[in-house]
Amino acid sequence: VFPLRIKLERTAKMLPEMVRIDEGGVYKYVIVLAHKDEEQSYHLVRGSGLAEYHDDIFQVERKQLEPYGYHCECVGGGRIRFDAGQKEVHIYGYSKGYGRANHSHAAEEIQKKYPDFKVTWSNDGY
């Protein structure tokens, strides 16, 4: 399992960060559905170049959120190509274990975090 680069506040009302991805390279990503109840539900985008499998990313996130009362499900995965120099992010592919993530949703959330970047997505590739 890869090292955690996660800093979480220890509060009962913790809200998860919507996007947490590496800022360079090509790597796997997943979308995690984290919910406490119908009113507190989040689709979180997580990606890391240190993860060998999509499940590695999901398990780290699950272990971080469950102590705060969140139930977590991985609803799909894929790959991200993050080029900081060109200010471009491309989302594509799928996870063999979890299936294809909703890349358009991932692109919307990443665009919010990186408004100066060109963010694109495709269902092509692995």
N, C-alpha and C. Protein backbone atom coordinates (compact mmCIF):
# COMPACT_ATOMS: atom_id res chain seq x y z
N VAL A 1 0.85 -1.18 0.00
CA VAL A 1 0.00 0.00 0.00
C VAL A 1 0.89 1.23 0.00
N PHE A 2 0.49 2.23 -0.75
CA PHE A 2 1.30 3.43 -0.89
C PHE A 2 1.15 4.34 0.32
N PRO A 3 2.14 5.21 0.55
CA PRO A 3 2.08 6.12 1.70
C PRO A 3 0.88 7.05 1.61
N LEU A 4 0.33 7.35 2.74
CA LEU A 4 -0.82 8.25 2.77
C LEU A 4 -0.34 9.69 2.70
N ARG A 5 -0.97 10.44 1.84
CA ARG A 5 -0.69 11.87 1.76
C ARG A 5 -1.95 12.63 2.14
N ILE A 6 -2.60 12.12 3.14
CA ILE A 6 -3.90 12.66 3.51
C ILE A 6 -3.82 13.29 4.89
N LYS A 7 -4.31 14.51 4.97
CA LYS A 7 -4.41 15.17 6.27
C LYS A 7 -5.89 15.38 6.55
N LEU A 8 -6.38 14.78 7.59
CA LEU A 8 -7.80 14.89 7.92
C LEU A 8 -7.97 15.57 9.27
N GLU A 9 -8.97 16.41 9.36
CA GLU A 9 -9.31 17.00 10.65
C GLU A 9 -10.11 15.97 11.43
N ARG A 10 -9.85 15.89 12.70
CA ARG A 10 -10.59 14.95 13.56
C ARG A 10 -11.80 15.66 14.15
N THR A 11 -12.82 15.86 13.31
CA THR A 11 -14.05 16.47 13.79
C THR A 11 -15.23 15.61 13.36
N ALA A 12 -16.30 15.68 14.11
CA ALA A 12 -17.49 14.89 13.80
C ALA A 12 -18.16 15.38 12.52
N LYS A 13 -17.95 16.64 12.16
CA LYS A 13 -18.61 17.21 10.98
C LYS A 13 -17.67 17.32 9.79
N MET A 14 -16.64 16.47 9.74
CA MET A 14 -15.68 16.53 8.65
C MET A 14 -16.36 16.37 7.30
N LEU A 15 -16.04 17.26 6.37
CA LEU A 15 -16.51 17.13 5.00
C LEU A 15 -15.33 16.70 4.15
N PRO A 16 -15.47 15.64 3.37
CA PRO A 16 -14.34 15.19 2.57
C PRO A 16 -14.02 16.16 1.44
N GLU A 17 -12.75 16.24 1.10
CA GLU A 17 -12.30 17.02 -0.04
C GLU A 17 -12.82 16.32 -1.30
N MET A 18 -13.42 17.06 -2.23
CA MET A 18 -14.05 16.44 -3.39
C MET A 18 -13.04 15.80 -4.34
N VAL A 19 -11.88 16.44 -4.53
CA VAL A 19 -10.86 15.94 -5.45
C VAL A 19 -9.53 15.87 -4.72
N ARG A 20 -8.92 14.71 -4.77
CA ARG A 20 -7.56 14.55 -4.24
C ARG A 20 -6.81 13.65 -5.22
N ILE A 21 -5.99 14.29 -6.08
CA ILE A 21 -5.25 13.57 -7.10
C ILE A 21 -3.82 14.08 -7.14
N ASP A 22 -2.92 13.26 -7.71
CA ASP A 22 -1.54 13.69 -7.90
C ASP A 22 -1.50 14.78 -8.95
N GLU A 23 -0.57 15.70 -8.81
CA GLU A 23 -0.48 16.83 -9.74
C GLU A 23 0.65 16.64 -10.74
N GLY A 24 0.67 15.46 -11.34
CA GLY A 24 1.65 15.17 -12.39
C GLY A 24 1.69 13.69 -12.70
N GLY A 25 1.81 13.37 -13.98
CA GLY A 25 1.97 11.98 -14.39
C GLY A 25 0.69 11.34 -14.89
N VAL A 26 0.80 10.04 -15.14
CA VAL A 26 -0.32 9.22 -15.58
C VAL A 26 -0.54 8.17 -14.50
N TYR A 27 -1.78 8.04 -14.04
CA TYR A 27 -2.04 7.16 -12.91
C TYR A 27 -3.50 6.73 -12.86
N LYS A 28 -3.77 5.77 -12.00
CA LYS A 28 -5.13 5.27 -11.79
C LYS A 28 -5.92 6.22 -10.91
N TYR A 29 -7.25 6.22 -11.13
CA TYR A 29 -8.13 7.00 -10.25
C TYR A 29 -9.43 6.23 -10.05
N VAL A 30 -10.14 6.58 -8.98
CA VAL A 30 -11.46 6.01 -8.70
C VAL A 30 -12.41 7.11 -8.27
N ILE A 31 -13.69 6.81 -8.38
CA ILE A 31 -14.72 7.66 -7.78
C ILE A 31 -15.30 6.87 -6.61
N VAL A 32 -15.26 7.48 -5.45
CA VAL A 32 -15.76 6.86 -4.23
C VAL A 32 -17.07 7.54 -3.83
N LEU A 33 -18.13 6.75 -3.69
CA LEU A 33 -19.38 7.26 -3.14
C LEU A 33 -19.29 7.13 -1.63
N ALA A 34 -19.24 8.26 -0.94
CA ALA A 34 -19.16 8.28 0.52
C ALA A 34 -20.44 8.91 1.05
N HIS A 35 -21.14 8.19 1.93
CA HIS A 35 -22.38 8.75 2.45
C HIS A 35 -22.61 8.34 3.89
N LYS A 36 -23.23 9.28 4.63
CA LYS A 36 -23.66 9.01 6.00
C LYS A 36 -25.16 8.73 6.00
N ASP A 37 -25.85 9.50 5.20
CA ASP A 37 -27.30 9.36 5.05
C ASP A 37 -27.65 9.98 3.70
N GLU A 38 -28.93 10.10 3.41
CA GLU A 38 -29.34 10.64 2.11
C GLU A 38 -28.94 12.09 1.92
N GLU A 39 -28.78 12.83 3.02
CA GLU A 39 -28.43 14.24 2.92
C GLU A 39 -26.93 14.48 2.84
N GLN A 40 -26.14 13.54 3.29
CA GLN A 40 -24.69 13.67 3.24
C GLN A 40 -24.12 12.58 2.36
N SER A 41 -24.04 12.87 1.07
CA SER A 41 -23.54 11.91 0.09
C SER A 41 -22.60 12.65 -0.86
N TYR A 42 -21.43 12.07 -1.11
CA TYR A 42 -20.41 12.72 -1.93
C TYR A 42 -19.81 11.73 -2.91
N HIS A 43 -19.58 12.18 -4.14
CA HIS A 43 -18.82 11.42 -5.12
C HIS A 43 -17.42 12.02 -5.14
N LEU A 44 -16.46 11.31 -4.57
CA LEU A 44 -15.10 11.81 -4.39
C LEU A 44 -14.18 11.26 -5.46
N VAL A 45 -13.36 12.13 -6.04
CA VAL A 45 -12.39 11.73 -7.06
C VAL A 45 -11.04 11.57 -6.39
N ARG A 46 -10.46 10.37 -6.51
CA ARG A 46 -9.18 10.07 -5.88
C ARG A 46 -8.25 9.41 -6.88
N GLY A 47 -6.99 9.88 -6.95
CA GLY A 47 -6.03 9.29 -7.86
C GLY A 47 -4.62 9.36 -7.32
N SER A 48 -3.82 8.33 -7.66
CA SER A 48 -2.44 8.29 -7.17
C SER A 48 -1.56 7.49 -8.11
N GLY A 49 -0.39 8.04 -8.40
CA GLY A 49 0.60 7.34 -9.19
C GLY A 49 1.31 6.25 -8.42
N LEU A 50 1.12 6.21 -7.12
CA LEU A 50 1.77 5.20 -6.29
C LEU A 50 0.94 3.93 -6.14
N ALA A 51 -0.30 3.96 -6.61
CA ALA A 51 -1.19 2.80 -6.46
C ALA A 51 -0.97 1.80 -7.59
N GLU A 52 -0.79 0.55 -7.23
CA GLU A 52 -0.66 -0.50 -8.24
C GLU A 52 -2.03 -0.87 -8.81
N TYR A 53 -3.04 -0.86 -7.94
CA TYR A 53 -4.40 -1.23 -8.34
C TYR A 53 -5.38 -0.13 -7.94
N HIS A 54 -6.52 -0.08 -8.65
CA HIS A 54 -7.57 0.86 -8.29
C HIS A 54 -8.04 0.61 -6.86
N ASP A 55 -8.08 -0.65 -6.47
CA ASP A 55 -8.54 -0.99 -5.12
C ASP A 55 -7.62 -0.41 -4.04
N ASP A 56 -6.34 -0.25 -4.34
CA ASP A 56 -5.43 0.36 -3.35
C ASP A 56 -5.91 1.77 -2.99
N ILE A 57 -6.31 2.52 -3.99
CA ILE A 57 -6.79 3.89 -3.76
C ILE A 57 -8.08 3.85 -2.94
N PHE A 58 -9.00 2.98 -3.35
CA PHE A 58 -10.28 2.89 -2.65
C PHE A 58 -10.10 2.48 -1.19
N GLN A 59 -9.27 1.50 -0.93
CA GLN A 59 -9.11 1.02 0.45
C GLN A 59 -8.53 2.08 1.36
N VAL A 60 -7.60 2.89 0.86
CA VAL A 60 -7.05 3.98 1.67
C VAL A 60 -8.15 4.98 2.01
N GLU A 61 -8.94 5.33 1.03
CA GLU A 61 -10.02 6.31 1.27
C GLU A 61 -11.06 5.75 2.23
N ARG A 62 -11.43 4.51 2.03
CA ARG A 62 -12.41 3.87 2.91
C ARG A 62 -11.92 3.87 4.36
N LYS A 63 -10.68 3.50 4.57
CA LYS A 63 -10.12 3.45 5.92
C LYS A 63 -10.05 4.84 6.56
N GLN A 64 -9.90 5.87 5.74
CA GLN A 64 -9.84 7.23 6.26
C GLN A 64 -11.23 7.77 6.63
N LEU A 65 -12.25 7.38 5.87
CA LEU A 65 -13.58 7.96 6.07
C LEU A 65 -14.49 7.17 7.00
N GLU A 66 -14.35 5.86 7.05
CA GLU A 66 -15.26 5.06 7.88
C GLU A 66 -15.24 5.45 9.36
N PRO A 67 -14.10 5.83 9.95
CA PRO A 67 -14.13 6.25 11.35
C PRO A 67 -15.01 7.49 11.61
N TYR A 68 -15.32 8.24 10.55
CA TYR A 68 -16.18 9.42 10.68
C TYR A 68 -17.63 9.10 10.37
N GLY A 69 -17.95 7.82 10.23
CA GLY A 69 -19.33 7.42 10.01
C GLY A 69 -19.75 7.31 8.56
N TYR A 70 -18.82 7.43 7.62
CA TYR A 70 -19.15 7.32 6.21
C TYR A 70 -19.14 5.87 5.77
N HIS A 71 -20.12 5.50 4.95
CA HIS A 71 -20.12 4.22 4.26
C HIS A 71 -19.56 4.50 2.87
N CYS A 72 -18.62 3.70 2.40
CA CYS A 72 -17.95 3.98 1.14
C CYS A 72 -18.13 2.85 0.14
N GLU A 73 -18.34 3.24 -1.12
CA GLU A 73 -18.42 2.30 -2.23
C GLU A 73 -17.59 2.86 -3.36
N CYS A 74 -16.86 2.00 -4.06
CA CYS A 74 -16.16 2.43 -5.26
C CYS A 74 -17.12 2.24 -6.43
N VAL A 75 -17.41 3.32 -7.15
CA VAL A 75 -18.39 3.24 -8.23
C VAL A 75 -17.74 3.28 -9.62
N GLY A 76 -16.43 3.09 -9.67
CA GLY A 76 -15.74 3.01 -10.96
C GLY A 76 -14.37 3.63 -10.91
N GLY A 77 -13.62 3.38 -11.97
CA GLY A 77 -12.26 3.90 -12.03
C GLY A 77 -11.82 4.15 -13.45
N GLY A 78 -10.59 4.55 -13.58
CA GLY A 78 -10.00 4.83 -14.89
C GLY A 78 -8.59 5.34 -14.70
N ARG A 79 -8.17 6.19 -15.63
CA ARG A 79 -6.83 6.75 -15.56
C ARG A 79 -6.90 8.26 -15.75
N ILE A 80 -5.89 8.93 -15.22
CA ILE A 80 -5.75 10.37 -15.37
C ILE A 80 -4.35 10.66 -15.89
N ARG A 81 -4.27 11.53 -16.89
CA ARG A 81 -3.00 12.08 -17.34
C ARG A 81 -2.99 13.55 -16.93
N PHE A 82 -2.11 13.91 -16.01
CA PHE A 82 -2.06 15.26 -15.46
C PHE A 82 -0.76 15.92 -15.91
N ASP A 83 -0.87 16.94 -16.74
CA ASP A 83 0.29 17.67 -17.26
C ASP A 83 0.25 19.09 -16.72
N ALA A 84 0.98 19.31 -15.63
CA ALA A 84 0.97 20.62 -14.97
C ALA A 84 1.58 21.69 -15.86
N GLY A 85 2.62 21.34 -16.62
CA GLY A 85 3.29 22.31 -17.49
C GLY A 85 2.36 22.85 -18.57
N GLN A 86 1.57 21.97 -19.16
CA GLN A 86 0.63 22.37 -20.21
C GLN A 86 -0.73 22.77 -19.64
N LYS A 87 -0.90 22.59 -18.34
CA LYS A 87 -2.17 22.86 -17.67
C LYS A 87 -3.31 22.07 -18.33
N GLU A 88 -3.06 20.76 -18.46
CA GLU A 88 -4.05 19.87 -19.06
C GLU A 88 -4.24 18.62 -18.22
N VAL A 89 -5.48 18.18 -18.14
CA VAL A 89 -5.83 16.92 -17.48
C VAL A 89 -6.72 16.14 -18.44
N HIS A 90 -6.36 14.87 -18.67
CA HIS A 90 -7.20 14.01 -19.51
C HIS A 90 -7.58 12.78 -18.70
N ILE A 91 -8.86 12.45 -18.72
CA ILE A 91 -9.43 11.33 -17.96
C ILE A 91 -9.93 10.30 -18.97
N TYR A 92 -9.59 9.02 -18.73
CA TYR A 92 -9.95 8.00 -19.71
C TYR A 92 -9.89 6.60 -19.08
N GLY A 93 -10.27 5.60 -19.87
CA GLY A 93 -10.08 4.21 -19.47
C GLY A 93 -11.09 3.69 -18.46
N TYR A 94 -10.72 2.59 -17.81
CA TYR A 94 -11.62 1.94 -16.86
C TYR A 94 -10.81 1.11 -15.88
N SER A 95 -11.47 0.65 -14.86
CA SER A 95 -10.88 -0.25 -13.86
C SER A 95 -11.37 -1.66 -14.15
N LYS A 96 -10.46 -2.62 -14.18
CA LYS A 96 -10.87 -4.02 -14.39
C LYS A 96 -11.73 -4.51 -13.22
N GLY A 97 -11.44 -4.05 -12.02
CA GLY A 97 -12.18 -4.50 -10.84
C GLY A 97 -13.48 -3.76 -10.58
N TYR A 98 -13.51 -2.46 -10.88
CA TYR A 98 -14.68 -1.63 -10.53
C TYR A 98 -15.45 -1.11 -11.74
N GLY A 99 -14.96 -1.34 -12.93
CA GLY A 99 -15.63 -0.84 -14.12
C GLY A 99 -15.25 0.61 -14.42
N ARG A 100 -15.92 1.17 -15.40
CA ARG A 100 -15.63 2.53 -15.84
C ARG A 100 -16.32 3.54 -14.93
N ALA A 101 -15.55 4.53 -14.50
CA ALA A 101 -16.12 5.62 -13.70
C ALA A 101 -16.88 6.58 -14.62
N ASN A 102 -17.69 7.42 -14.04
CA ASN A 102 -18.36 8.48 -14.78
C ASN A 102 -17.33 9.59 -15.00
N HIS A 103 -16.62 9.50 -16.13
CA HIS A 103 -15.53 10.44 -16.40
C HIS A 103 -16.02 11.88 -16.52
N SER A 104 -17.24 12.07 -17.00
CA SER A 104 -17.74 13.45 -17.11
C SER A 104 -17.89 14.08 -15.73
N HIS A 105 -18.33 13.28 -14.74
CA HIS A 105 -18.43 13.81 -13.37
C HIS A 105 -17.04 14.11 -12.82
N ALA A 106 -16.10 13.20 -13.04
CA ALA A 106 -14.72 13.43 -12.58
C ALA A 106 -14.16 14.70 -13.21
N ALA A 107 -14.41 14.88 -14.50
CA ALA A 107 -13.92 16.07 -15.20
C ALA A 107 -14.51 17.35 -14.61
N GLU A 108 -15.80 17.34 -14.31
CA GLU A 108 -16.44 18.52 -13.71
C GLU A 108 -15.80 18.87 -12.37
N GLU A 109 -15.58 17.87 -11.53
CA GLU A 109 -15.00 18.13 -10.21
C GLU A 109 -13.54 18.58 -10.31
N ILE A 110 -12.78 17.97 -11.22
CA ILE A 110 -11.39 18.37 -11.40
C ILE A 110 -11.32 19.78 -11.96
N GLN A 111 -12.22 20.13 -12.87
CA GLN A 111 -12.25 21.48 -13.44
C GLN A 111 -12.51 22.52 -12.35
N LYS A 112 -13.35 22.20 -11.38
CA LYS A 112 -13.61 23.12 -10.26
C LYS A 112 -12.35 23.36 -9.44
N LYS A 113 -11.57 22.30 -9.24
CA LYS A 113 -10.35 22.43 -8.43
C LYS A 113 -9.23 23.11 -9.22
N TYR A 114 -9.20 22.90 -10.53
CA TYR A 114 -8.15 23.47 -11.39
C TYR A 114 -8.81 24.30 -12.50
N PRO A 115 -9.36 25.47 -12.17
CA PRO A 115 -10.12 26.24 -13.16
C PRO A 115 -9.30 26.75 -14.34
N ASP A 116 -7.98 26.86 -14.19
CA ASP A 116 -7.13 27.35 -15.28
C ASP A 116 -6.67 26.23 -16.21
N PHE A 117 -7.06 24.99 -15.93
CA PHE A 117 -6.62 23.85 -16.73
C PHE A 117 -7.66 23.50 -17.78
N LYS A 118 -7.19 22.90 -18.87
CA LYS A 118 -8.08 22.29 -19.86
C LYS A 118 -8.30 20.85 -19.39
N VAL A 119 -9.54 20.49 -19.08
CA VAL A 119 -9.87 19.16 -18.58
C VAL A 119 -10.75 18.46 -19.61
N THR A 120 -10.28 17.31 -20.10
CA THR A 120 -11.01 16.54 -21.10
C THR A 120 -11.18 15.10 -20.62
N TRP A 121 -12.10 14.39 -21.27
CA TRP A 121 -12.31 12.99 -20.92
C TRP A 121 -12.73 12.19 -22.14
N SER A 122 -12.52 10.88 -22.05
CA SER A 122 -12.88 9.97 -23.12
C SER A 122 -13.14 8.59 -22.51
N ASN A 123 -14.04 7.84 -23.11
CA ASN A 123 -14.27 6.46 -22.66
C ASN A 123 -13.32 5.48 -23.34
N ASP A 124 -12.44 5.97 -24.21
CA ASP A 124 -11.50 5.11 -24.91
C ASP A 124 -10.34 4.71 -24.02
N GLY A 125 -9.66 3.65 -24.41
CA GLY A 125 -8.43 3.24 -23.74
C GLY A 125 -8.66 2.43 -22.49
N TYR A 126 -7.54 1.93 -21.95
CA TYR A 126 -7.57 1.16 -20.72
C TYR A 126 -6.86 1.90 -19.66
